[in-house]
Protein backbone atom coordinates (compact mmCIF):
# COMPACT_ATOMS: atom_id res chain seq x y z
CA MET A 1 -20.12 6.38 20.13
CA GLU A 2 -18.95 2.74 20.70
CA ILE A 3 -19.37 2.00 17.07
CA MET A 4 -17.16 4.81 16.12
CA GLY A 5 -14.47 3.81 18.55
CA ASP A 6 -14.46 0.42 16.64
CA ALA A 7 -14.24 1.87 13.39
CA VAL A 8 -11.22 4.00 14.51
CA ILE A 9 -9.53 1.02 15.96
CA THR A 10 -10.20 -1.20 12.84
CA HIS A 11 -8.94 1.78 10.68
CA VAL A 12 -5.52 2.07 12.55
CA TYR A 13 -4.87 -1.64 12.69
CA THR A 14 -5.62 -2.02 9.06
CA ILE A 15 -3.00 0.69 8.48
CA TYR A 16 -0.46 -1.27 10.40
CA LEU A 17 -1.43 -4.15 8.52
CA PHE A 18 -1.20 -2.69 5.25
CA PHE A 19 2.49 -1.07 6.32
CA ALA A 20 3.61 -4.74 7.11
CA ILE A 21 2.27 -6.00 3.92
CA ILE A 22 4.33 -3.24 2.02
CA LEU A 23 7.41 -4.22 4.25
CA PHE A 24 6.73 -7.83 3.44
CA ASN A 25 6.77 -7.02 -0.40
CA LEU A 26 9.94 -4.78 0.09
CA PHE A 27 11.69 -7.78 1.74
CA SER A 28 10.48 -10.13 -0.86
CA VAL A 29 11.84 -8.08 -3.51
CA THR A 30 15.34 -7.70 -1.92
CA THR A 31 15.65 -11.21 -0.66
CA ILE A 32 14.02 -13.49 -3.32
CA ASP A 33 16.80 -14.02 -6.30
CA SER A 34 14.42 -16.20 -8.81
CA HIS A 35 12.23 -13.70 -10.74
CA ILE A 36 9.55 -16.42 -10.90
CA LYS A 37 9.21 -17.23 -7.24
CA LEU A 38 9.18 -13.28 -6.60
CA ALA A 39 6.55 -12.96 -9.34
CA LYS A 40 4.39 -15.67 -7.88
CA ARG A 41 4.79 -14.28 -4.42
CA LEU A 42 3.86 -10.71 -5.45
CA LYS A 43 0.87 -11.97 -7.72
CA PHE A 44 -0.37 -13.68 -4.41
CA MET A 45 0.30 -10.58 -2.35
CA THR A 46 -1.43 -8.09 -4.72
CA PRO A 47 -4.93 -8.93 -3.98
CA ILE A 48 -4.15 -8.92 -0.13
CA TYR A 49 -2.59 -5.39 -0.68
CA HIS A 50 -5.60 -4.06 -2.46
CA LEU A 51 -8.07 -5.71 -0.07
CA CYS A 52 -6.42 -4.18 2.87
CA ASN A 53 -6.16 -0.80 1.16
CA ALA A 54 -9.82 -1.08 0.20
CA VAL A 55 -10.46 -1.52 4.01
CA VAL A 56 -8.25 1.39 4.98
CA ILE A 57 -10.54 3.59 2.66
CA TYR A 58 -13.75 2.13 3.75
CA THR A 59 -13.23 2.46 7.67
CA GLY A 60 -11.58 5.79 6.83
CA ALA A 61 -14.94 7.00 4.98
CA ILE A 62 -16.79 5.90 7.96
CA VAL A 63 -14.70 7.69 10.35
CA ALA A 64 -14.67 11.01 8.02
CA ALA A 65 -18.50 10.73 7.56
CA TYR A 66 -19.31 10.57 11.24
CA SER A 67 -17.15 13.56 12.02
CA THR A 68 -19.28 15.58 9.15
CA THR A 69 -16.31 18.05 8.46
CA LEU A 70 -13.66 17.64 5.76
CA SER A 71 -10.45 18.27 7.62
CA ILE A 72 -7.03 18.37 6.40
CA LYS A 73 -6.29 14.89 7.54
CA VAL A 74 -9.35 13.39 5.55
CA ALA A 75 -8.29 15.62 2.61
CA LEU A 76 -4.88 14.45 2.68
CA MET A 77 -5.70 10.65 3.23
CA ILE A 78 -8.03 10.36 0.16
CA PRO A 79 -5.53 11.10 -2.44
CA THR A 80 -2.96 9.09 -0.61
CA SER A 81 -4.97 5.99 -0.83
CA ILE A 82 -5.56 6.50 -4.47
CA PHE A 83 -1.84 7.30 -5.00
CA LEU A 84 -0.91 4.06 -3.29
CA MET A 85 -3.28 2.08 -5.42
CA VAL A 86 -2.11 3.51 -8.54
CA LEU A 87 1.55 2.88 -7.36
CA GLU A 88 0.74 -1.00 -6.93
CA ILE A 89 -1.27 -1.21 -10.13
CA LYS A 90 1.77 0.43 -11.95
CA ARG A 91 4.15 -2.22 -10.26
CA TYR A 92 1.87 -5.17 -11.23
CA LYS A 93 1.40 -4.00 -14.73
CA LYS A 94 5.27 -3.92 -15.19
CA MET A 95 5.87 -7.10 -13.69
CA ARG A 96 3.25 -9.35 -15.61
CA VAL A 97 4.75 -8.54 -18.92
CA ILE A 98 8.24 -9.78 -18.10
CA LYS A 99 9.08 -13.17 -19.34
CA SER A 100 11.44 -15.64 -17.88
CA ASN A 101 14.12 -15.12 -20.29
CA GLU A 102 14.34 -11.45 -20.24
CA VAL A 103 16.96 -11.00 -17.44
CA ASN A 104 17.47 -7.23 -17.85
CA LEU A 105 14.02 -6.56 -17.72
CA GLN A 106 13.86 -8.65 -14.48
CA LEU A 107 16.64 -6.59 -13.05
CA GLU A 108 15.03 -3.45 -13.91
CA PHE A 109 11.56 -4.66 -12.42
CA ARG A 110 13.48 -5.28 -9.14
CA GLU A 111 15.00 -1.78 -8.96
CA PHE A 112 11.51 -0.29 -9.95
CA ALA A 113 9.62 -2.62 -7.39
CA LYS A 114 11.93 -1.46 -4.69
CA LYS A 115 11.57 2.21 -5.52
CA ILE A 116 7.93 1.89 -5.28
CA TYR A 117 7.66 0.21 -2.24
CA ILE A 118 10.21 2.71 -0.71
CA ILE A 119 7.92 5.53 -1.97
CA GLU A 120 4.80 3.73 -0.52
CA ILE A 121 6.45 3.56 3.05
CA PHE A 122 7.64 7.04 3.06
CA THR A 123 4.17 8.32 1.87
CA LEU A 124 2.56 6.43 4.81
CA ILE A 125 5.00 7.87 7.32
CA ILE A 126 4.66 11.46 6.05
CA VAL A 127 0.92 11.26 6.13
CA PHE A 128 1.25 9.65 9.64
CA ALA A 129 3.36 12.61 10.68
CA ILE A 130 1.14 15.06 9.26
CA SER A 131 -2.07 13.57 10.57
CA LYS A 132 -0.49 13.98 14.16
CA VAL A 133 0.43 17.67 13.51
CA PHE A 134 -2.88 18.42 12.58
């Protein structure tokens, strides 16, 4: 049973780290004026984001497999993880095609990235609230 407790603790702390990474990315998008600096920072953070999401998924799978019942929480968290991964991939794909002289696209990307990160934050908060209810 101690192993199960460790998996749950790792899962929860990784979710907190994941939330912090999303907040850091939102902070970067809102405060960095240079698109090149922003693109470099987000390009650096993208693998960290996906690694953290993968750890959340993996530890969640361990906890779900141990419980042996498919609860509403697990059924909600699986598509949420995939949804967050897809959003980040869309953000990255939009960012990587913008050239340094395309100022309008850079401004559009900033607004798009802000929306993506705000959606991710609200998604995590809503899933957390729902998981506490059920």
